[in-house]
Amino acid sequence: MFSIKEIASVTLTLFAVIDILGSIPIIINLRKREGRIESEKATIISGILMIAFLFLGQSILKLFGIDFQSFAMAGAIIIFLIGLEMILGKDFFHTDPESKSGSIVPLAFPLIVGAGTMTTLLSLRAAYSLPNVLVGIVINLIFVYIVLKSSSWIEAKLGKTGADVLRRVFGVILLAIAIKLFKTNL
């Protein structure tokens, strides 16, 4: 039932897609604009969104008559584009930086739980057992919480160059994951 290998794969995949470390500049700007980040609230809302989509996402697909393999292939393309975005430093997916709702929008949604995360969750559910996916989600939520709580400290330690390198490394990992998902669902 529980597999360390599957949990590690799910955790790393979600970690790369969520890209909370790559989002530190956005988090810092949000903190400056709003005065503070509500780490607990953002993490809980993100968890609710991820788990709800994990369980209801397939029903939503059936409602629209979309088979899972087609959605997984679309997800692989989105993950691939997110990976390219991370490597090239170009924005293919835009969020509204002027939103005034703080920890919920744009932080919990769409920064932490955006289209890429939702697509990835359904793809992961097809490839791995549900308990392992849930554990991967929880591990990522813990990490998200830690990063949100310590974003100013992380900013000081990483510096711009360190954050850029980290973002590109996870971009390459995402490209490889996208290719694997694409090959699996052919």
C-alpha atoms as a PDB file:
ATOM      1  CA  MET A   1       0.000   0.000   0.000  1.00  0.00           C
ATOM      2  CA  PHE A   2       2.480   2.669   1.118  1.00  0.00           C
ATOM      3  CA  SER A   3       5.578   2.869  -1.038  1.00  0.00           C
ATOM      4  CA  ILE A   4       8.523   5.118  -0.192  1.00  0.00           C
ATOM      5  CA  LYS A   5       9.424   5.233  -3.890  1.00  0.00           C
ATOM      6  CA  GLU A   6       5.899   6.349  -4.897  1.00  0.00           C
ATOM      7  CA  ILE A   7       5.676   8.862  -2.043  1.00  0.00           C
ATOM      8  CA  ALA A   8       9.050  10.318  -3.070  1.00  0.00           C
ATOM      9  CA  SER A   9       7.974  10.537  -6.723  1.00  0.00           C
ATOM     10  CA  VAL A  10       4.655  12.197  -5.855  1.00  0.00           C
ATOM     11  CA  THR A  11       6.305  14.574  -3.392  1.00  0.00           C
ATOM     12  CA  LEU A  12       9.027  15.666  -5.803  1.00  0.00           C
ATOM     13  CA  THR A  13       6.577  16.038  -8.684  1.00  0.00           C
ATOM     14  CA  LEU A  14       4.233  18.238  -6.657  1.00  0.00           C
ATOM     15  CA  PHE A  15       7.176  20.136  -5.193  1.00  0.00           C
ATOM     16  CA  ALA A  16       8.397  20.968  -8.689  1.00  0.00           C
ATOM     17  CA  VAL A  17       4.932  21.925  -9.970  1.00  0.00           C
ATOM     18  CA  ILE A  18       3.983  24.019  -6.945  1.00  0.00           C
ATOM     19  CA  ASP A  19       7.460  25.615  -7.095  1.00  0.00           C
ATOM     20  CA  ILE A  20       7.065  27.374  -3.771  1.00  0.00           C
ATOM     21  CA  LEU A  21      10.770  28.281  -3.724  1.00  0.00           C
ATOM     22  CA  GLY A  22      10.488  29.828  -7.183  1.00  0.00           C
ATOM     23  CA  SER A  23       7.508  31.794  -5.906  1.00  0.00           C
ATOM     24  CA  ILE A  24       9.456  33.446  -3.089  1.00  0.00           C
ATOM     25  CA  PRO A  25       9.781  36.771  -4.981  1.00  0.00           C
ATOM     26  CA  ILE A  26       5.988  36.839  -5.445  1.00  0.00           C
ATOM     27  CA  ILE A  27       5.459  35.917  -1.779  1.00  0.00           C
ATOM     28  CA  ILE A  28       7.807  38.689  -0.667  1.00  0.00           C
ATOM     29  CA  ASN A  29       6.020  41.263  -2.833  1.00  0.00           C
ATOM     30  CA  LEU A  30       2.669  40.069  -1.472  1.00  0.00           C
ATOM     31  CA  ARG A  31       3.953  40.341   2.105  1.00  0.00           C
ATOM     32  CA  LYS A  32       5.160  43.884   1.445  1.00  0.00           C
ATOM     33  CA  ARG A  33       1.818  44.863  -0.122  1.00  0.00           C
ATOM     34  CA  GLU A  34      -0.458  43.151   2.414  1.00  0.00           C
ATOM     35  CA  GLY A  35       1.708  43.668   5.496  1.00  0.00           C
ATOM     36  CA  ARG A  36       1.907  39.950   6.297  1.00  0.00           C
ATOM     37  CA  ILE A  37       1.249  36.469   4.922  1.00  0.00           C
ATOM     38  CA  GLU A  38      -1.308  34.279   6.693  1.00  0.00           C
ATOM     39  CA  SER A  39       0.708  31.065   6.354  1.00  0.00           C
ATOM     40  CA  GLU A  40      -1.779  28.825   8.168  1.00  0.00           C
ATOM     41  CA  LYS A  41      -4.762  30.060   6.182  1.00  0.00           C
ATOM     42  CA  ALA A  42      -2.977  29.782   2.819  1.00  0.00           C
ATOM     43  CA  THR A  43      -1.739  26.265   3.624  1.00  0.00           C
ATOM     44  CA  ILE A  44      -5.141  24.994   4.826  1.00  0.00           C
ATOM     45  CA  ILE A  45      -6.998  26.449   1.817  1.00  0.00           C
ATOM     46  CA  SER A  46      -4.367  24.965  -0.511  1.00  0.00           C
ATOM     47  CA  GLY A  47      -4.779  21.548   1.125  1.00  0.00           C
ATOM     48  CA  ILE A  48      -8.567  21.670   0.830  1.00  0.00           C
ATOM     49  CA  LEU A  49      -8.335  22.627  -2.854  1.00  0.00           C
ATOM     50  CA  MET A  50      -5.809  19.877  -3.651  1.00  0.00           C
ATOM     51  CA  ILE A  51      -7.682  17.119  -1.847  1.00  0.00           C
ATOM     52  CA  ALA A  52     -11.061  18.198  -3.240  1.00  0.00           C
ATOM     53  CA  PHE A  53      -9.717  18.163  -6.788  1.00  0.00           C
ATOM     54  CA  LEU A  54      -7.964  14.849  -6.191  1.00  0.00           C
ATOM     55  CA  PHE A  55     -11.322  13.236  -5.314  1.00  0.00           C
ATOM     56  CA  LEU A  56     -13.734  15.279  -7.459  1.00  0.00           C
ATOM     57  CA  GLY A  57     -11.568  16.011 -10.480  1.00  0.00           C
ATOM     58  CA  GLN A  58     -12.377  12.743 -12.215  1.00  0.00           C
ATOM     59  CA  SER A  59     -16.126  13.315 -11.728  1.00  0.00           C
ATOM     60  CA  ILE A  60     -15.760  16.737 -13.263  1.00  0.00           C
ATOM     61  CA  LEU A  61     -14.024  15.155 -16.252  1.00  0.00           C
ATOM     62  CA  LYS A  62     -16.845  12.635 -16.666  1.00  0.00           C
ATOM     63  CA  LEU A  63     -19.334  15.485 -16.580  1.00  0.00           C
ATOM     64  CA  PHE A  64     -17.615  16.951 -19.641  1.00  0.00           C
ATOM     65  CA  GLY A  65     -17.061  13.550 -21.286  1.00  0.00           C
ATOM     66  CA  ILE A  66     -13.277  13.688 -21.102  1.00  0.00           C
ATOM     67  CA  ASP A  67     -11.357  10.448 -20.517  1.00  0.00           C
ATOM     68  CA  PHE A  68      -8.521  10.459 -18.018  1.00  0.00           C
ATOM     69  CA  GLN A  69      -5.795   9.623 -20.540  1.00  0.00           C
ATOM     70  CA  SER A  70      -6.681  12.730 -22.573  1.00  0.00           C
ATOM     71  CA  PHE A  71      -6.622  14.864 -19.437  1.00  0.00           C
ATOM     72  CA  ALA A  72      -3.315  13.289 -18.352  1.00  0.00           C
ATOM     73  CA  MET A  73      -1.820  14.060 -21.780  1.00  0.00           C
ATOM     74  CA  ALA A  74      -3.049  17.657 -21.496  1.00  0.00           C
ATOM     75  CA  GLY A  75      -1.555  17.733 -17.994  1.00  0.00           C
ATOM     76  CA  ALA A  76       1.767  16.482 -19.341  1.00  0.00           C
ATOM     77  CA  ILE A  77       1.766  19.358 -21.835  1.00  0.00           C
ATOM     78  CA  ILE A  78       0.991  21.884 -19.071  1.00  0.00           C
ATOM     79  CA  ILE A  79       3.721  20.430 -16.845  1.00  0.00           C
ATOM     80  CA  PHE A  80       6.105  20.591 -19.798  1.00  0.00           C
ATOM     81  CA  LEU A  81       5.252  24.266 -20.371  1.00  0.00           C
ATOM     82  CA  ILE A  82       5.701  25.044 -16.661  1.00  0.00           C
ATOM     83  CA  GLY A  83       9.119  23.365 -16.837  1.00  0.00           C
ATOM     84  CA  LEU A  84      10.034  25.475 -19.870  1.00  0.00           C
ATOM     85  CA  GLU A  85       8.781  28.556 -18.051  1.00  0.00           C
ATOM     86  CA  MET A  86      11.061  27.760 -15.117  1.00  0.00           C
ATOM     87  CA  ILE A  87      14.112  27.101 -17.290  1.00  0.00           C
ATOM     88  CA  LEU A  88      13.693  29.957 -19.754  1.00  0.00           C
ATOM     89  CA  GLY A  89      12.396  32.535 -17.275  1.00  0.00           C
ATOM     90  CA  LYS A  90       9.424  33.344 -19.526  1.00  0.00           C
ATOM     91  CA  ASP A  91       5.846  33.575 -18.264  1.00  0.00           C
ATOM     92  CA  PHE A  92       3.349  31.448 -20.172  1.00  0.00           C
ATOM     93  CA  PHE A  93       0.840  31.475 -17.305  1.00  0.00           C
ATOM     94  CA  HIS A  94       0.003  34.808 -15.698  1.00  0.00           C
ATOM     95  CA  THR A  95      -1.539  35.664 -12.334  1.00  0.00           C
ATOM     96  CA  ASP A  96      -3.058  38.986 -11.343  1.00  0.00           C
ATOM     97  CA  PRO A  97      -0.431  40.754  -9.211  1.00  0.00           C
ATOM     98  CA  GLU A  98      -2.904  43.513  -8.290  1.00  0.00           C
ATOM     99  CA  SER A  99      -5.311  41.233  -6.413  1.00  0.00           C
ATOM    100  CA  LYS A 100      -5.965  42.509  -2.869  1.00  0.00           C
ATOM    101  CA  SER A 101      -7.210  39.271  -1.258  1.00  0.00           C
ATOM    102  CA  GLY A 102      -3.815  38.233   0.056  1.00  0.00           C
ATOM    103  CA  SER A 103      -3.373  34.740   1.392  1.00  0.00           C
ATOM    104  CA  ILE A 104      -6.230  33.176  -0.590  1.00  0.00           C
ATOM    105  CA  VAL A 105      -5.865  34.850  -3.988  1.00  0.00           C
ATOM    106  CA  PRO A 106      -3.223  34.807  -5.457  1.00  0.00           C
ATOM    107  CA  LEU A 107      -1.281  32.809  -2.846  1.00  0.00           C
ATOM    108  CA  ALA A 108      -3.377  29.674  -2.203  1.00  0.00           C
ATOM    109  CA  PHE A 109      -5.011  29.882  -5.623  1.00  0.00           C
ATOM    110  CA  PRO A 110      -3.525  30.042  -8.253  1.00  0.00           C
ATOM    111  CA  LEU A 111       0.069  30.327  -6.977  1.00  0.00           C
ATOM    112  CA  ILE A 112       0.163  27.153  -4.848  1.00  0.00           C
ATOM    113  CA  VAL A 113      -2.823  25.313  -6.342  1.00  0.00           C
ATOM    114  CA  GLY A 114      -3.086  26.382  -9.936  1.00  0.00           C
ATOM    115  CA  ALA A 115      -3.946  24.597 -13.152  1.00  0.00           C
ATOM    116  CA  GLY A 116      -0.615  22.791 -13.180  1.00  0.00           C
ATOM    117  CA  THR A 117      -1.096  21.424  -9.663  1.00  0.00           C
ATOM    118  CA  MET A 118      -4.655  20.282 -10.389  1.00  0.00           C
ATOM    119  CA  THR A 119      -3.655  18.575 -13.607  1.00  0.00           C
ATOM    120  CA  THR A 120      -0.680  16.978 -11.907  1.00  0.00           C
ATOM    121  CA  LEU A 121      -2.859  15.620  -9.099  1.00  0.00           C
ATOM    122  CA  LEU A 122      -5.111  13.783 -11.542  1.00  0.00           C
ATOM    123  CA  SER A 123      -2.114  12.474 -13.450  1.00  0.00           C
ATOM    124  CA  LEU A 124      -0.497  11.300 -10.217  1.00  0.00           C
ATOM    125  CA  ARG A 125      -3.718   9.608  -9.132  1.00  0.00           C
ATOM    126  CA  ALA A 126      -3.650   7.571 -12.351  1.00  0.00           C
ATOM    127  CA  ALA A 127      -0.008   6.587 -11.907  1.00  0.00           C
ATOM    128  CA  TYR A 128       0.258   6.018  -8.128  1.00  0.00           C
ATOM    129  CA  SER A 129      -1.881   4.643  -5.307  1.00  0.00           C
ATOM    130  CA  LEU A 130      -4.184   7.117  -3.555  1.00  0.00           C
ATOM    131  CA  PRO A 131      -2.603   6.832  -0.066  1.00  0.00           C
ATOM    132  CA  ASN A 132       0.824   7.642  -1.527  1.00  0.00           C
ATOM    133  CA  VAL A 133      -0.570  10.679  -3.359  1.00  0.00           C
ATOM    134  CA  LEU A 134      -2.222  11.906  -0.132  1.00  0.00           C
ATOM    135  CA  VAL A 135       1.039  11.539   1.800  1.00  0.00           C
ATOM    136  CA  GLY A 136       2.838  13.462  -0.978  1.00  0.00           C
ATOM    137  CA  ILE A 137       0.258  16.252  -0.708  1.00  0.00           C
ATOM    138  CA  VAL A 138       0.683  16.489   3.075  1.00  0.00           C
ATOM    139  CA  ILE A 139       4.491  16.564   2.804  1.00  0.00           C
ATOM    140  CA  ASN A 140       4.224  19.387   0.262  1.00  0.00           C
ATOM    141  CA  LEU A 141       1.773  21.316   2.423  1.00  0.00           C
ATOM    142  CA  ILE A 142       4.192  21.088   5.360  1.00  0.00           C
ATOM    143  CA  PHE A 143       6.967  22.391   3.137  1.00  0.00           C
ATOM    144  CA  VAL A 144       4.734  25.167   1.761  1.00  0.00           C
ATOM    145  CA  TYR A 145       3.892  26.223   5.324  1.00  0.00           C
ATOM    146  CA  ILE A 146       7.573  26.278   6.329  1.00  0.00           C
ATOM    147  CA  VAL A 147       8.515  28.340   3.261  1.00  0.00           C
ATOM    148  CA  LEU A 148       5.655  30.798   3.805  1.00  0.00           C
ATOM    149  CA  LYS A 149       6.631  31.231   7.447  1.00  0.00           C
ATOM    150  CA  SER A 150      10.311  31.761   6.659  1.00  0.00           C
ATOM    151  CA  SER A 151      10.195  33.503   3.268  1.00  0.00           C
ATOM    152  CA  SER A 152      12.178  36.533   4.411  1.00  0.00           C
ATOM    153  CA  TRP A 153      14.920  34.351   5.909  1.00  0.00           C
ATOM    154  CA  ILE A 154      15.043  32.214   2.734  1.00  0.00           C
ATOM    155  CA  GLU A 155      15.272  35.335   0.586  1.00  0.00           C
ATOM    156  CA  ALA A 156      18.293  36.535   2.530  1.00  0.00           C
ATOM    157  CA  LYS A 157      20.052  33.149   2.391  1.00  0.00           C
ATOM    158  CA  LEU A 158      19.437  32.201  -1.261  1.00  0.00           C
ATOM    159  CA  GLY A 159      19.953  35.491  -2.959  1.00  0.00           C
ATOM    160  CA  LYS A 160      18.809  36.048  -6.525  1.00  0.00           C
ATOM    161  CA  THR A 161      21.365  33.705  -8.114  1.00  0.00           C
ATOM    162  CA  GLY A 162      20.561  30.823  -5.764  1.00  0.00           C
ATOM    163  CA  ALA A 163      16.829  31.157  -6.411  1.00  0.00           C
ATOM    164  CA  ASP A 164      17.418  31.229 -10.182  1.00  0.00           C
ATOM    165  CA  VAL A 165      19.551  28.065 -10.078  1.00  0.00           C
ATOM    166  CA  LEU A 166      16.995  26.247  -7.927  1.00  0.00           C
ATOM    167  CA  ARG A 167      14.172  27.237 -10.243  1.00  0.00           C
ATOM    168  CA  ARG A 168      16.018  25.959 -13.322  1.00  0.00           C
ATOM    169  CA  VAL A 169      16.933  22.640 -11.700  1.00  0.00           C
ATOM    170  CA  PHE A 170      13.283  21.992 -10.852  1.00  0.00           C
ATOM    171  CA  GLY A 171      12.345  23.063 -14.376  1.00  0.00           C
ATOM    172  CA  VAL A 172      14.491  20.278 -15.840  1.00  0.00           C
ATOM    173  CA  ILE A 173      12.947  17.794 -13.402  1.00  0.00           C
ATOM    174  CA  LEU A 174       9.477  18.910 -14.517  1.00  0.00           C
ATOM    175  CA  LEU A 175      10.361  18.419 -18.176  1.00  0.00           C
ATOM    176  CA  ALA A 176      11.444  14.850 -17.441  1.00  0.00           C
ATOM    177  CA  ILE A 177       8.254  14.187 -15.447  1.00  0.00           C
ATOM    178  CA  ALA A 178       6.120  15.584 -18.290  1.00  0.00           C
ATOM    179  CA  ILE A 179       7.812  13.303 -20.804  1.00  0.00           C
ATOM    180  CA  LYS A 180       7.281  10.300 -18.510  1.00  0.00           C
ATOM    181  CA  LEU A 181       3.570  11.142 -18.075  1.00  0.00           C
ATOM    182  CA  PHE A 182       3.184  11.603 -21.813  1.00  0.00           C
ATOM    183  CA  LYS A 183       4.805   8.218 -22.564  1.00  0.00           C
ATOM    184  CA  THR A 184       2.716   6.480 -19.891  1.00  0.00           C
ATOM    185  CA  ASN A 185      -0.602   7.761 -21.265  1.00  0.00           C
ATOM    186  CA  LEU A 186       0.026   7.240 -25.004  1.00  0.00           C
END
